[in-house]
Amino acid sequence: MQLGSHRLCNSLRNNLASIAKCHIACFPESLSGKLGAAYVQKTLEWFLVDEKRFLFHIELEGQVIGYCGGFVSRGIGDGSSSGMLQHAFKQAVIGIIKKPWLAFHPEVRAVYPFIFRNIKRKLLPKKANAPITVAKDTGKFSGLVVIGVHPQYRGTGVFMELMQYFFEESKRLGVIGSKLSVKKDNARGINAYKKFGWEIEEDHGKTFVLRKVF
């Protein structure tokens, strides 16, 4: 399929529903997709509430056909996975209530400790937020958190355009490179990243951490 006239946009809240629809089309078997569009929209909103985070997408004839989000950590405790789940916790609970079998999904079971801490935090009197510990490498690398290309538009250059703009946004925030985590069984994704100069830095059992230095 040829890619016609399209535009790359920095995402706003009124774009989140369309981006969520694209995400579910990209990853129909993912836990986030199964939890529902409201959950996906809320997790995407996480990118829009801090100046150190960014989300952008590509539109074609009013349809989002690709999207990407990243951030620069402010320190230990400012991780993307925990932060997005915290931000969308209410929608995650609603999604599990509607589909209770998802409570036994491996990805949900892996965050049971976080879920119980979050419930406890909401039930008990609020305390001052724990300070974020600044790590040695904080601010030196951006994190590529999400990237997806609608199945109908893969192989049309959308991935390349998203990746190049991700690098531009990362450099704008003053970093020297970027990192991402990818599942080892995602051979297609790993190969695509390597074409853009990403290299395997760490082996975490089921996932690789890839690094790209500018």
C-alpha atoms as a PDB file:
ATOM      1  CA  MET A   1       0.000   0.000   0.000  1.00  0.00           C
ATOM      2  CA  GLN A   2       1.288   3.465  -0.901  1.00  0.00           C
ATOM      3  CA  LEU A   3       1.323   6.134   1.783  1.00  0.00           C
ATOM      4  CA  GLY A   4      -0.546   9.192   0.517  1.00  0.00           C
ATOM      5  CA  SER A   5      -0.705  12.713   1.898  1.00  0.00           C
ATOM      6  CA  HIS A   6      -0.289  12.504   5.659  1.00  0.00           C
ATOM      7  CA  ARG A   7       0.846  14.614   8.570  1.00  0.00           C
ATOM      8  CA  LEU A   8       2.845  14.064  11.748  1.00  0.00           C
ATOM      9  CA  CYS A   9       1.356  15.775  14.813  1.00  0.00           C
ATOM     10  CA  ASN A  10       2.262  16.273  18.434  1.00  0.00           C
ATOM     11  CA  SER A  11      -0.613  14.580  20.231  1.00  0.00           C
ATOM     12  CA  LEU A  12      -3.257  16.344  22.319  1.00  0.00           C
ATOM     13  CA  ARG A  13      -5.941  14.946  24.602  1.00  0.00           C
ATOM     14  CA  ASN A  14      -8.546  15.079  21.839  1.00  0.00           C
ATOM     15  CA  ASN A  15      -6.356  12.707  19.787  1.00  0.00           C
ATOM     16  CA  LEU A  16      -6.154   9.983  22.444  1.00  0.00           C
ATOM     17  CA  ALA A  17      -9.287   8.075  21.374  1.00  0.00           C
ATOM     18  CA  SER A  18      -7.990   7.746  17.816  1.00  0.00           C
ATOM     19  CA  ILE A  19      -4.503   6.773  18.999  1.00  0.00           C
ATOM     20  CA  ALA A  20      -6.006   4.164  21.348  1.00  0.00           C
ATOM     21  CA  LYS A  21      -7.939   2.694  18.422  1.00  0.00           C
ATOM     22  CA  CYS A  22      -4.692   2.430  16.450  1.00  0.00           C
ATOM     23  CA  HIS A  23      -2.926   0.830  19.428  1.00  0.00           C
ATOM     24  CA  ILE A  24      -5.581  -1.868  19.755  1.00  0.00           C
ATOM     25  CA  ALA A  25      -5.339  -2.565  16.014  1.00  0.00           C
ATOM     26  CA  CYS A  26      -1.551  -2.837  16.335  1.00  0.00           C
ATOM     27  CA  PHE A  27      -1.587  -5.068  19.417  1.00  0.00           C
ATOM     28  CA  PRO A  28      -4.967  -6.860  19.588  1.00  0.00           C
ATOM     29  CA  GLU A  29      -3.675  -9.595  21.914  1.00  0.00           C
ATOM     30  CA  SER A  30      -1.940  -7.245  24.351  1.00  0.00           C
ATOM     31  CA  LEU A  31      -3.160  -6.891  27.922  1.00  0.00           C
ATOM     32  CA  SER A  32      -3.737  -3.163  27.419  1.00  0.00           C
ATOM     33  CA  GLY A  33      -5.949  -3.851  24.406  1.00  0.00           C
ATOM     34  CA  LYS A  34      -7.959  -6.431  26.312  1.00  0.00           C
ATOM     35  CA  LEU A  35      -8.492  -4.015  29.201  1.00  0.00           C
ATOM     36  CA  GLY A  36     -10.293  -1.730  26.768  1.00  0.00           C
ATOM     37  CA  ALA A  37     -10.045   1.587  24.961  1.00  0.00           C
ATOM     38  CA  ALA A  38     -10.681   3.659  28.117  1.00  0.00           C
ATOM     39  CA  TYR A  39      -7.646   2.084  29.780  1.00  0.00           C
ATOM     40  CA  VAL A  40      -5.449   2.615  26.720  1.00  0.00           C
ATOM     41  CA  GLN A  41      -6.524   6.263  26.470  1.00  0.00           C
ATOM     42  CA  LYS A  42      -5.679   6.868  30.128  1.00  0.00           C
ATOM     43  CA  THR A  43      -2.241   5.282  29.818  1.00  0.00           C
ATOM     44  CA  LEU A  44      -1.540   7.463  26.774  1.00  0.00           C
ATOM     45  CA  GLU A  45      -2.608  10.525  28.751  1.00  0.00           C
ATOM     46  CA  TRP A  46       0.406   9.881  31.005  1.00  0.00           C
ATOM     47  CA  PHE A  47       2.631  11.271  28.244  1.00  0.00           C
ATOM     48  CA  LEU A  48       0.778  14.595  28.207  1.00  0.00           C
ATOM     49  CA  VAL A  49       1.040  15.599  31.872  1.00  0.00           C
ATOM     50  CA  ASP A  50       4.775  16.266  32.155  1.00  0.00           C
ATOM     51  CA  GLU A  51       7.158  18.361  30.070  1.00  0.00           C
ATOM     52  CA  LYS A  52       9.699  15.526  30.107  1.00  0.00           C
ATOM     53  CA  ARG A  53       7.282  13.222  28.236  1.00  0.00           C
ATOM     54  CA  PHE A  54       6.071  13.366  24.658  1.00  0.00           C
ATOM     55  CA  LEU A  55       3.552  11.640  22.399  1.00  0.00           C
ATOM     56  CA  PHE A  56       3.048  12.112  18.669  1.00  0.00           C
ATOM     57  CA  HIS A  57       1.192  10.404  15.851  1.00  0.00           C
ATOM     58  CA  ILE A  58       0.752  10.255  12.074  1.00  0.00           C
ATOM     59  CA  GLU A  59      -2.652  10.901  10.517  1.00  0.00           C
ATOM     60  CA  LEU A  60      -3.905   9.904   7.078  1.00  0.00           C
ATOM     61  CA  GLU A  61      -7.382  10.954   5.958  1.00  0.00           C
ATOM     62  CA  GLY A  62      -8.445  11.498   9.570  1.00  0.00           C
ATOM     63  CA  GLN A  63      -7.168   8.127  10.771  1.00  0.00           C
ATOM     64  CA  VAL A  64      -4.207   7.598  13.092  1.00  0.00           C
ATOM     65  CA  ILE A  65      -1.918   5.122  11.342  1.00  0.00           C
ATOM     66  CA  GLY A  66       1.069   5.287  13.667  1.00  0.00           C
ATOM     67  CA  TYR A  67       2.083   6.716  17.044  1.00  0.00           C
ATOM     68  CA  CYS A  68       5.054   6.905  19.402  1.00  0.00           C
ATOM     69  CA  GLY A  69       5.688   8.024  22.973  1.00  0.00           C
ATOM     70  CA  GLY A  70       8.775   8.574  25.076  1.00  0.00           C
ATOM     71  CA  PHE A  71      10.073  10.283  28.190  1.00  0.00           C
ATOM     72  CA  VAL A  72      13.154  11.333  30.088  1.00  0.00           C
ATOM     73  CA  SER A  73      13.218   9.986  33.631  1.00  0.00           C
ATOM     74  CA  ARG A  74      13.535  12.447  36.484  1.00  0.00           C
ATOM     75  CA  GLY A  75      15.015   9.729  38.705  1.00  0.00           C
ATOM     76  CA  ILE A  76      14.400   6.372  40.363  1.00  0.00           C
ATOM     77  CA  GLY A  77      10.652   5.949  40.850  1.00  0.00           C
ATOM     78  CA  ASP A  78       9.815   7.795  37.641  1.00  0.00           C
ATOM     79  CA  GLY A  79       9.538   4.702  35.471  1.00  0.00           C
ATOM     80  CA  SER A  80       7.203   4.437  32.524  1.00  0.00           C
ATOM     81  CA  SER A  81       5.504   1.119  33.344  1.00  0.00           C
ATOM     82  CA  SER A  82       4.725   1.914  36.978  1.00  0.00           C
ATOM     83  CA  GLY A  83       3.849   5.505  36.148  1.00  0.00           C
ATOM     84  CA  MET A  84       1.408   4.606  33.387  1.00  0.00           C
ATOM     85  CA  LEU A  85      -0.270   1.931  35.519  1.00  0.00           C
ATOM     86  CA  GLN A  86      -0.545   4.343  38.437  1.00  0.00           C
ATOM     87  CA  HIS A  87      -2.070   6.984  36.149  1.00  0.00           C
ATOM     88  CA  ALA A  88      -4.605   4.539  34.679  1.00  0.00           C
ATOM     89  CA  PHE A  89      -5.214   2.449  37.813  1.00  0.00           C
ATOM     90  CA  LYS A  90      -8.952   3.155  38.012  1.00  0.00           C
ATOM     91  CA  GLN A  91      -9.493   2.152  34.371  1.00  0.00           C
ATOM     92  CA  ALA A  92      -7.390  -0.999  34.902  1.00  0.00           C
ATOM     93  CA  VAL A  93      -9.620  -2.047  37.812  1.00  0.00           C
ATOM     94  CA  ILE A  94     -12.763  -1.372  35.773  1.00  0.00           C
ATOM     95  CA  GLY A  95     -11.334  -3.418  32.899  1.00  0.00           C
ATOM     96  CA  ILE A  96     -10.615  -6.373  35.202  1.00  0.00           C
ATOM     97  CA  ILE A  97     -14.088  -6.147  36.773  1.00  0.00           C
ATOM     98  CA  LYS A  98     -15.599  -6.371  33.278  1.00  0.00           C
ATOM     99  CA  LYS A  99     -13.242  -9.238  32.327  1.00  0.00           C
ATOM    100  CA  PRO A 100     -12.326 -10.925  35.647  1.00  0.00           C
ATOM    101  CA  TRP A 101     -10.282 -13.644  33.933  1.00  0.00           C
ATOM    102  CA  LEU A 102      -7.688 -10.977  33.153  1.00  0.00           C
ATOM    103  CA  ALA A 103      -6.792 -10.954  36.860  1.00  0.00           C
ATOM    104  CA  PHE A 104      -4.867 -14.165  36.127  1.00  0.00           C
ATOM    105  CA  HIS A 105      -3.068 -12.759  33.085  1.00  0.00           C
ATOM    106  CA  PRO A 106       0.735 -13.119  33.557  1.00  0.00           C
ATOM    107  CA  GLU A 107       1.282  -9.366  33.113  1.00  0.00           C
ATOM    108  CA  VAL A 108      -1.331  -8.596  35.787  1.00  0.00           C
ATOM    109  CA  ARG A 109       0.051 -11.185  38.196  1.00  0.00           C
ATOM    110  CA  ALA A 110       3.504  -9.656  37.785  1.00  0.00           C
ATOM    111  CA  VAL A 111       2.245  -6.346  39.194  1.00  0.00           C
ATOM    112  CA  TYR A 112       0.159  -7.783  42.072  1.00  0.00           C
ATOM    113  CA  PRO A 113       2.496  -6.156  44.672  1.00  0.00           C
ATOM    114  CA  PHE A 114       2.066  -2.773  42.986  1.00  0.00           C
ATOM    115  CA  ILE A 115      -1.731  -3.211  42.795  1.00  0.00           C
ATOM    116  CA  PHE A 116      -1.988  -4.048  46.507  1.00  0.00           C
ATOM    117  CA  ARG A 117       0.226  -1.072  47.436  1.00  0.00           C
ATOM    118  CA  ASN A 118      -1.909   1.204  45.297  1.00  0.00           C
ATOM    119  CA  ILE A 119      -5.157  -0.026  46.882  1.00  0.00           C
ATOM    120  CA  LYS A 120      -3.623   0.450  50.336  1.00  0.00           C
ATOM    121  CA  ARG A 121      -2.498   3.954  49.393  1.00  0.00           C
ATOM    122  CA  LYS A 122      -6.019   4.887  48.305  1.00  0.00           C
ATOM    123  CA  LEU A 123      -7.680   3.449  51.430  1.00  0.00           C
ATOM    124  CA  LEU A 124      -5.304   4.906  54.018  1.00  0.00           C
ATOM    125  CA  PRO A 125      -4.812   8.619  54.776  1.00  0.00           C
ATOM    126  CA  LYS A 126      -2.660  10.331  52.174  1.00  0.00           C
ATOM    127  CA  LYS A 127       0.996  10.906  52.942  1.00  0.00           C
ATOM    128  CA  ALA A 128       3.458  13.152  51.242  1.00  0.00           C
ATOM    129  CA  ASN A 129       4.820  11.605  48.068  1.00  0.00           C
ATOM    130  CA  ALA A 130       8.178   9.933  48.503  1.00  0.00           C
ATOM    131  CA  PRO A 131      10.978  11.972  46.920  1.00  0.00           C
ATOM    132  CA  ILE A 132      12.369  10.787  43.612  1.00  0.00           C
ATOM    133  CA  THR A 133      15.972   9.677  43.952  1.00  0.00           C
ATOM    134  CA  VAL A 134      18.099  11.045  41.156  1.00  0.00           C
ATOM    135  CA  ALA A 135      20.203   8.286  39.596  1.00  0.00           C
ATOM    136  CA  LYS A 136      23.598   8.804  37.989  1.00  0.00           C
ATOM    137  CA  ASP A 137      22.319   8.412  34.419  1.00  0.00           C
ATOM    138  CA  THR A 138      19.034  10.250  34.933  1.00  0.00           C
ATOM    139  CA  GLY A 139      18.436  12.707  32.124  1.00  0.00           C
ATOM    140  CA  LYS A 140      21.147  11.276  29.883  1.00  0.00           C
ATOM    141  CA  PHE A 141      18.879   8.891  27.980  1.00  0.00           C
ATOM    142  CA  SER A 142      15.302   9.089  26.805  1.00  0.00           C
ATOM    143  CA  GLY A 143      13.086   6.034  26.955  1.00  0.00           C
ATOM    144  CA  LEU A 144      11.111   4.821  23.956  1.00  0.00           C
ATOM    145  CA  VAL A 145       7.984   3.521  25.666  1.00  0.00           C
ATOM    146  CA  VAL A 146       5.427   2.870  22.922  1.00  0.00           C
ATOM    147  CA  ILE A 147       5.530   2.759  19.139  1.00  0.00           C
ATOM    148  CA  GLY A 148       3.034   1.218  16.764  1.00  0.00           C
ATOM    149  CA  VAL A 149       2.129   1.207  13.089  1.00  0.00           C
ATOM    150  CA  HIS A 150      -1.362   0.208  11.974  1.00  0.00           C
ATOM    151  CA  PRO A 151      -1.169  -3.237  10.289  1.00  0.00           C
ATOM    152  CA  GLN A 152      -2.528  -1.821   7.019  1.00  0.00           C
ATOM    153  CA  TYR A 153       0.359   0.665   6.778  1.00  0.00           C
ATOM    154  CA  ARG A 154       3.371  -1.409   7.718  1.00  0.00           C
ATOM    155  CA  GLY A 155       6.162  -1.252   5.162  1.00  0.00           C
ATOM    156  CA  THR A 156       5.128   2.211   3.941  1.00  0.00           C
ATOM    157  CA  GLY A 157       7.764   4.244   5.810  1.00  0.00           C
ATOM    158  CA  VAL A 158       5.584   5.121   8.822  1.00  0.00           C
ATOM    159  CA  PHE A 159       7.910   3.363  11.272  1.00  0.00           C
ATOM    160  CA  MET A 160      10.909   5.230   9.855  1.00  0.00           C
ATOM    161  CA  GLU A 161       9.158   8.586  10.165  1.00  0.00           C
ATOM    162  CA  LEU A 162       8.111   7.862  13.749  1.00  0.00           C
ATOM    163  CA  MET A 163      11.598   6.740  14.751  1.00  0.00           C
ATOM    164  CA  GLN A 164      13.287   9.767  13.209  1.00  0.00           C
ATOM    165  CA  TYR A 165      10.925  12.157  14.993  1.00  0.00           C
ATOM    166  CA  PHE A 166      11.440  10.260  18.257  1.00  0.00           C
ATOM    167  CA  PHE A 167      15.176  10.932  17.935  1.00  0.00           C
ATOM    168  CA  GLU A 168      14.461  14.628  17.234  1.00  0.00           C
ATOM    169  CA  GLU A 169      12.230  14.961  20.305  1.00  0.00           C
ATOM    170  CA  SER A 170      14.789  13.147  22.462  1.00  0.00           C
ATOM    171  CA  LYS A 171      17.581  15.454  21.339  1.00  0.00           C
ATOM    172  CA  ARG A 172      15.334  18.437  22.043  1.00  0.00           C
ATOM    173  CA  LEU A 173      15.238  17.317  25.674  1.00  0.00           C
ATOM    174  CA  GLY A 174      19.013  17.285  25.791  1.00  0.00           C
ATOM    175  CA  VAL A 175      19.803  13.567  26.052  1.00  0.00           C
ATOM    176  CA  ILE A 176      22.814  11.750  24.592  1.00  0.00           C
ATOM    177  CA  GLY A 177      20.870   8.672  23.530  1.00  0.00           C
ATOM    178  CA  SER A 178      17.816   6.482  24.053  1.00  0.00           C
ATOM    179  CA  LYS A 179      16.911   3.128  25.572  1.00  0.00           C
ATOM    180  CA  LEU A 180      14.016   0.717  25.177  1.00  0.00           C
ATOM    181  CA  SER A 181      12.899  -2.683  26.414  1.00  0.00           C
ATOM    182  CA  VAL A 182      11.695  -5.332  23.972  1.00  0.00           C
ATOM    183  CA  LYS A 183      10.589  -8.933  24.403  1.00  0.00           C
ATOM    184  CA  LYS A 184      13.070 -11.462  23.069  1.00  0.00           C
ATOM    185  CA  ASP A 185      10.416 -13.220  20.993  1.00  0.00           C
ATOM    186  CA  ASN A 186       9.694  -9.971  19.095  1.00  0.00           C
ATOM    187  CA  ALA A 187      12.220 -10.747  16.349  1.00  0.00           C
ATOM    188  CA  ARG A 188      10.533  -8.418  13.837  1.00  0.00           C
ATOM    189  CA  GLY A 189      10.744  -5.507  16.255  1.00  0.00           C
ATOM    190  CA  ILE A 190      14.347  -6.209  17.260  1.00  0.00           C
ATOM    191  CA  ASN A 191      15.441  -6.344  13.629  1.00  0.00           C
ATOM    192  CA  ALA A 192      13.618  -3.092  12.875  1.00  0.00           C
ATOM    193  CA  TYR A 193      15.328  -1.332  15.791  1.00  0.00           C
ATOM    194  CA  LYS A 194      18.759  -2.612  14.776  1.00  0.00           C
ATOM    195  CA  LYS A 195      18.317  -1.018  11.350  1.00  0.00           C
ATOM    196  CA  PHE A 196      18.205   2.344  13.148  1.00  0.00           C
ATOM    197  CA  GLY A 197      21.379   1.699  15.117  1.00  0.00           C
ATOM    198  CA  TRP A 198      19.915   0.294  18.328  1.00  0.00           C
ATOM    199  CA  GLU A 199      22.204  -2.244  20.021  1.00  0.00           C
ATOM    200  CA  ILE A 200      21.482  -4.841  22.699  1.00  0.00           C
ATOM    201  CA  GLU A 201      22.858  -3.551  26.005  1.00  0.00           C
ATOM    202  CA  GLU A 202      21.326  -5.840  28.655  1.00  0.00           C
ATOM    203  CA  ASP A 203      19.693  -9.278  28.825  1.00  0.00           C
ATOM    204  CA  HIS A 204      16.866  -9.437  31.370  1.00  0.00           C
ATOM    205  CA  GLY A 205      15.748 -13.015  30.789  1.00  0.00           C
ATOM    206  CA  LYS A 206      12.601 -12.545  28.720  1.00  0.00           C
ATOM    207  CA  THR A 207      13.516  -9.079  27.471  1.00  0.00           C
ATOM    208  CA  PHE A 208      16.424  -7.167  25.997  1.00  0.00           C
ATOM    209  CA  VAL A 209      17.326  -3.564  26.786  1.00  0.00           C
ATOM    210  CA  LEU A 210      18.475  -1.814  23.622  1.00  0.00           C
ATOM    211  CA  ARG A 211      20.465   1.404  23.499  1.00  0.00           C
ATOM    212  CA  LYS A 212      21.005   3.997  20.802  1.00  0.00           C
ATOM    213  CA  VAL A 213      23.686   6.671  21.258  1.00  0.00           C
ATOM    214  CA  PHE A 214      23.277   9.812  19.168  1.00  0.00           C
END
